[in-house]
Every structure is written in C-alpha cells, then in structure tokens.
C-alpha cells in the first residue's frame, strides 16, 4: 500500500496542510499585532502570548473577535505612515521639480537678486533638461 491510497486521501492531506499554514500565518499576524499595539501593557501582551501558546485556536478566535477592529485600524495607520514616508523619500531622491525651480527663480527675479536674462536662462535650462 502506498502513502495515499486514493485521490481523496491526498486531497485531505493537502487541505490539512493548507489549514495548518493558514493557522500559523494568523498566529504570526496576531503576535505581530500584539507587539505593534502601543496601548496594550506588557503584562496583557504576555498574557495574550501565554494564551496563544496554551490554547491556540480558542485564543486566536477570541483575539480576532475582541481586537479585530483595532487590528484593522493599526494596519491602516501603519500603511498610511509607510506611504507618506515612501513619498517623502521619493521626493528627496528625485530632487526638485521643474516648476519648483522656475518658481524659485521667479521669486529671485522678483526680489531683484537675478536679472531677467538670468531668469530666462534658468527657465530655459530647467525646461530643457
């Protein structure tokens, strides 16, 4: 006899592996959320971790029911922060835009720091390249 005698034994084996991996992913997600939550005290975090190890399925379900909305809010907040930081980084690496350079040159011209010819030169160089 082989390891799997029928297609359905193999199917249930794959399904059980899928469920197990999904459960592990949920556990890691919960533990990550626990440590991201700044409003929860250290003792409560430790209590949740102990509960997750002692009664993994029950503690996971209770956590998702009791703190699910908070998990979503923290995830959305963290994602918004990441997007702002990424946009700031891209702006800092990309340098000023052509319109910013022209506006800066225009303010220098209005202040009398540069001449009209210098302004035209700066504008031409900025638009060219």
C-alpha atoms as a PDB file:
ATOM      1  CA  UNK A   1       0.000   0.000   0.000  1.00  0.00           C
ATOM      2  CA  UNK A   2       1.200   3.470  -0.821  1.00  0.00           C
ATOM      3  CA  UNK A   3       1.205   6.560   1.292  1.00  0.00           C
ATOM      4  CA  UNK A   4      -2.082   7.666  -0.248  1.00  0.00           C
ATOM      5  CA  UNK A   5      -4.448   5.012  -1.442  1.00  0.00           C
ATOM      6  CA  UNK A   6      -6.833   7.378  -3.145  1.00  0.00           C
ATOM      7  CA  UNK A   7      -7.123  10.861  -4.529  1.00  0.00           C
ATOM      8  CA  UNK A   8      -9.255  11.942  -1.556  1.00  0.00           C
ATOM      9  CA  UNK A   9      -6.607  10.970   0.979  1.00  0.00           C
ATOM     10  CA  UNK A  10      -4.130  13.106  -0.931  1.00  0.00           C
ATOM     11  CA  UNK A  11      -6.694  15.911  -1.215  1.00  0.00           C
ATOM     12  CA  UNK A  12      -7.388  15.901   2.549  1.00  0.00           C
ATOM     13  CA  UNK A  13      -3.676  15.820   3.258  1.00  0.00           C
ATOM     14  CA  UNK A  14      -3.137  18.946   1.114  1.00  0.00           C
ATOM     15  CA  UNK A  15      -6.174  20.612   2.637  1.00  0.00           C
ATOM     16  CA  UNK A  16      -4.949  19.946   6.174  1.00  0.00           C
ATOM     17  CA  UNK A  17      -1.508  21.354   5.276  1.00  0.00           C
ATOM     18  CA  UNK A  18      -3.225  24.461   3.868  1.00  0.00           C
ATOM     19  CA  UNK A  19      -5.286  24.903   7.043  1.00  0.00           C
ATOM     20  CA  UNK A  20      -2.192  24.460   9.221  1.00  0.00           C
ATOM     21  CA  UNK A  21      -0.165  27.029   7.268  1.00  0.00           C
ATOM     22  CA  UNK A  22      -3.105  29.456   7.350  1.00  0.00           C
ATOM     23  CA  UNK A  23      -3.410  28.993  11.107  1.00  0.00           C
ATOM     24  CA  UNK A  24       0.312  29.669  11.549  1.00  0.00           C
ATOM     25  CA  UNK A  25       0.015  32.816   9.439  1.00  0.00           C
ATOM     26  CA  UNK A  26      -2.865  34.025  11.621  1.00  0.00           C
ATOM     27  CA  UNK A  27      -0.842  33.329  14.767  1.00  0.00           C
ATOM     28  CA  UNK A  28       2.125  35.310  13.421  1.00  0.00           C
ATOM     29  CA  UNK A  29      -0.226  38.120  12.407  1.00  0.00           C
ATOM     30  CA  UNK A  30      -1.714  38.224  15.909  1.00  0.00           C
ATOM     31  CA  UNK A  31       1.691  38.186  17.607  1.00  0.00           C
ATOM     32  CA  UNK A  32       2.890  40.966  15.298  1.00  0.00           C
ATOM     33  CA  UNK A  33      -0.211  43.000  16.107  1.00  0.00           C
ATOM     34  CA  UNK A  34       0.324  42.452  19.823  1.00  0.00           C
ATOM     35  CA  UNK A  35       3.803  43.927  19.671  1.00  0.00           C
ATOM     36  CA  UNK A  36       2.699  46.821  17.410  1.00  0.00           C
ATOM     37  CA  UNK A  37      -0.073  47.869  19.801  1.00  0.00           C
ATOM     38  CA  UNK A  38       1.303  50.644  21.968  1.00  0.00           C
ATOM     39  CA  UNK A  39      -1.907  50.936  24.002  1.00  0.00           C
ATOM     40  CA  UNK A  40      -1.626  47.446  25.477  1.00  0.00           C
ATOM     41  CA  UNK A  41       0.524  46.965  28.589  1.00  0.00           C
ATOM     42  CA  UNK A  42       3.374  44.491  28.698  1.00  0.00           C
ATOM     43  CA  UNK A  43       1.517  42.241  31.128  1.00  0.00           C
ATOM     44  CA  UNK A  44      -1.504  41.990  28.855  1.00  0.00           C
ATOM     45  CA  UNK A  45       0.758  41.232  25.900  1.00  0.00           C
ATOM     46  CA  UNK A  46       2.439  38.468  27.902  1.00  0.00           C
ATOM     47  CA  UNK A  47      -0.959  37.109  28.942  1.00  0.00           C
ATOM     48  CA  UNK A  48      -2.097  37.005  25.295  1.00  0.00           C
ATOM     49  CA  UNK A  49       1.124  35.203  24.276  1.00  0.00           C
ATOM     50  CA  UNK A  50       0.653  32.606  27.033  1.00  0.00           C
ATOM     51  CA  UNK A  51      -2.974  32.131  25.984  1.00  0.00           C
ATOM     52  CA  UNK A  52      -1.925  31.729  22.344  1.00  0.00           C
ATOM     53  CA  UNK A  53       0.549  29.000  23.305  1.00  0.00           C
ATOM     54  CA  UNK A  54      -1.763  27.236  25.769  1.00  0.00           C
ATOM     55  CA  UNK A  55      -4.998  27.403  23.767  1.00  0.00           C
ATOM     56  CA  UNK A  56      -4.033  28.475  20.239  1.00  0.00           C
ATOM     57  CA  UNK A  57      -7.355  28.052  18.445  1.00  0.00           C
ATOM     58  CA  UNK A  58      -9.545  29.469  21.202  1.00  0.00           C
ATOM     59  CA  UNK A  59      -7.186  32.378  21.974  1.00  0.00           C
ATOM     60  CA  UNK A  60      -6.877  33.221  18.266  1.00  0.00           C
ATOM     61  CA  UNK A  61     -10.630  33.322  17.816  1.00  0.00           C
ATOM     62  CA  UNK A  62     -11.121  35.418  20.951  1.00  0.00           C
ATOM     63  CA  UNK A  63      -8.360  37.813  19.884  1.00  0.00           C
ATOM     64  CA  UNK A  64      -9.784  38.223  16.383  1.00  0.00           C
ATOM     65  CA  UNK A  65     -13.283  38.821  17.740  1.00  0.00           C
ATOM     66  CA  UNK A  66     -12.265  41.125  20.594  1.00  0.00           C
ATOM     67  CA  UNK A  67      -9.500  43.098  18.906  1.00  0.00           C
ATOM     68  CA  UNK A  68     -10.201  42.660  15.188  1.00  0.00           C
ATOM     69  CA  UNK A  69     -11.241  46.258  14.571  1.00  0.00           C
ATOM     70  CA  UNK A  70      -8.169  47.513  16.374  1.00  0.00           C
ATOM     71  CA  UNK A  71      -6.001  45.247  14.225  1.00  0.00           C
ATOM     72  CA  UNK A  72      -7.500  46.739  11.084  1.00  0.00           C
ATOM     73  CA  UNK A  73      -7.100  50.306  12.358  1.00  0.00           C
ATOM     74  CA  UNK A  74      -3.449  49.721  13.328  1.00  0.00           C
ATOM     75  CA  UNK A  75      -2.728  48.119   9.953  1.00  0.00           C
ATOM     76  CA  UNK A  76      -4.324  51.025   8.071  1.00  0.00           C
ATOM     77  CA  UNK A  77      -2.469  53.572  10.203  1.00  0.00           C
ATOM     78  CA  UNK A  78       0.875  51.831   9.685  1.00  0.00           C
ATOM     79  CA  UNK A  79       0.266  51.566   5.940  1.00  0.00           C
ATOM     80  CA  UNK A  80      -0.574  55.276   5.717  1.00  0.00           C
ATOM     81  CA  UNK A  81       2.617  56.125   7.596  1.00  0.00           C
ATOM     82  CA  UNK A  82       4.650  53.895   5.257  1.00  0.00           C
ATOM     83  CA  UNK A  83       3.112  55.548   2.194  1.00  0.00           C
ATOM     84  CA  UNK A  84       3.905  59.049   3.482  1.00  0.00           C
ATOM     85  CA  UNK A  85       7.480  58.050   4.324  1.00  0.00           C
ATOM     86  CA  UNK A  86       7.921  56.435   0.908  1.00  0.00           C
ATOM     87  CA  UNK A  87       6.563  59.516  -0.875  1.00  0.00           C
ATOM     88  CA  UNK A  88       8.878  61.762   1.152  1.00  0.00           C
ATOM     89  CA  UNK A  89      11.842  59.541   0.316  1.00  0.00           C
ATOM     90  CA  UNK A  90      10.999  59.526  -3.403  1.00  0.00           C
ATOM     91  CA  UNK A  91      10.659  63.320  -3.379  1.00  0.00           C
ATOM     92  CA  UNK A  92      14.010  63.698  -1.605  1.00  0.00           C
ATOM     93  CA  UNK A  93      15.787  61.415  -4.072  1.00  0.00           C
ATOM     94  CA  UNK A  94      14.099  62.808  -7.174  1.00  0.00           C
ATOM     95  CA  UNK A  95      15.042  66.392  -6.354  1.00  0.00           C
ATOM     96  CA  UNK A  96      13.021  69.493  -7.059  1.00  0.00           C
ATOM     97  CA  UNK A  97      10.616  69.541  -9.980  1.00  0.00           C
ATOM     98  CA  UNK A  98      10.936  71.897 -12.954  1.00  0.00           C
ATOM     99  CA  UNK A  99       8.038  74.033 -11.726  1.00  0.00           C
ATOM    100  CA  UNK A 100       9.713  74.373  -8.305  1.00  0.00           C
ATOM    101  CA  UNK A 101      12.948  75.531  -9.934  1.00  0.00           C
ATOM    102  CA  UNK A 102      11.129  78.056 -12.121  1.00  0.00           C
ATOM    103  CA  UNK A 103       9.117  79.350  -9.150  1.00  0.00           C
ATOM    104  CA  UNK A 104      12.303  79.727  -7.126  1.00  0.00           C
ATOM    105  CA  UNK A 105      13.973  81.607  -9.991  1.00  0.00           C
ATOM    106  CA  UNK A 106      10.875  83.811 -10.353  1.00  0.00           C
ATOM    107  CA  UNK A 107      10.991  84.722  -6.658  1.00  0.00           C
ATOM    108  CA  UNK A 108      14.684  85.608  -7.053  1.00  0.00           C
ATOM    109  CA  UNK A 109      13.811  87.777 -10.063  1.00  0.00           C
ATOM    110  CA  UNK A 110      11.004  89.494  -8.149  1.00  0.00           C
ATOM    111  CA  UNK A 111      13.368  90.137  -5.232  1.00  0.00           C
ATOM    112  CA  UNK A 112      15.901  91.671  -7.616  1.00  0.00           C
ATOM    113  CA  UNK A 113      18.573  89.082  -6.871  1.00  0.00           C
ATOM    114  CA  UNK A 114      18.886  87.984 -10.512  1.00  0.00           C
ATOM    115  CA  UNK A 115      18.298  89.760 -13.787  1.00  0.00           C
ATOM    116  CA  UNK A 116      15.639  89.000 -16.381  1.00  0.00           C
ATOM    117  CA  UNK A 117      18.298  87.429 -18.619  1.00  0.00           C
ATOM    118  CA  UNK A 118      19.444  85.123 -15.815  1.00  0.00           C
ATOM    119  CA  UNK A 119      15.815  84.193 -15.119  1.00  0.00           C
ATOM    120  CA  UNK A 120      15.259  83.389 -18.790  1.00  0.00           C
ATOM    121  CA  UNK A 121      18.442  81.306 -18.823  1.00  0.00           C
ATOM    122  CA  UNK A 122      17.410  79.360 -15.708  1.00  0.00           C
ATOM    123  CA  UNK A 123      13.937  78.804 -17.121  1.00  0.00           C
ATOM    124  CA  UNK A 124      15.344  77.619 -20.455  1.00  0.00           C
ATOM    125  CA  UNK A 125      17.791  75.213 -18.800  1.00  0.00           C
ATOM    126  CA  UNK A 126      15.117  73.846 -16.478  1.00  0.00           C
ATOM    127  CA  UNK A 127      12.631  73.222 -19.279  1.00  0.00           C
ATOM    128  CA  UNK A 128      15.310  71.680 -21.494  1.00  0.00           C
ATOM    129  CA  UNK A 129      16.514  69.137 -19.110  1.00  0.00           C
END
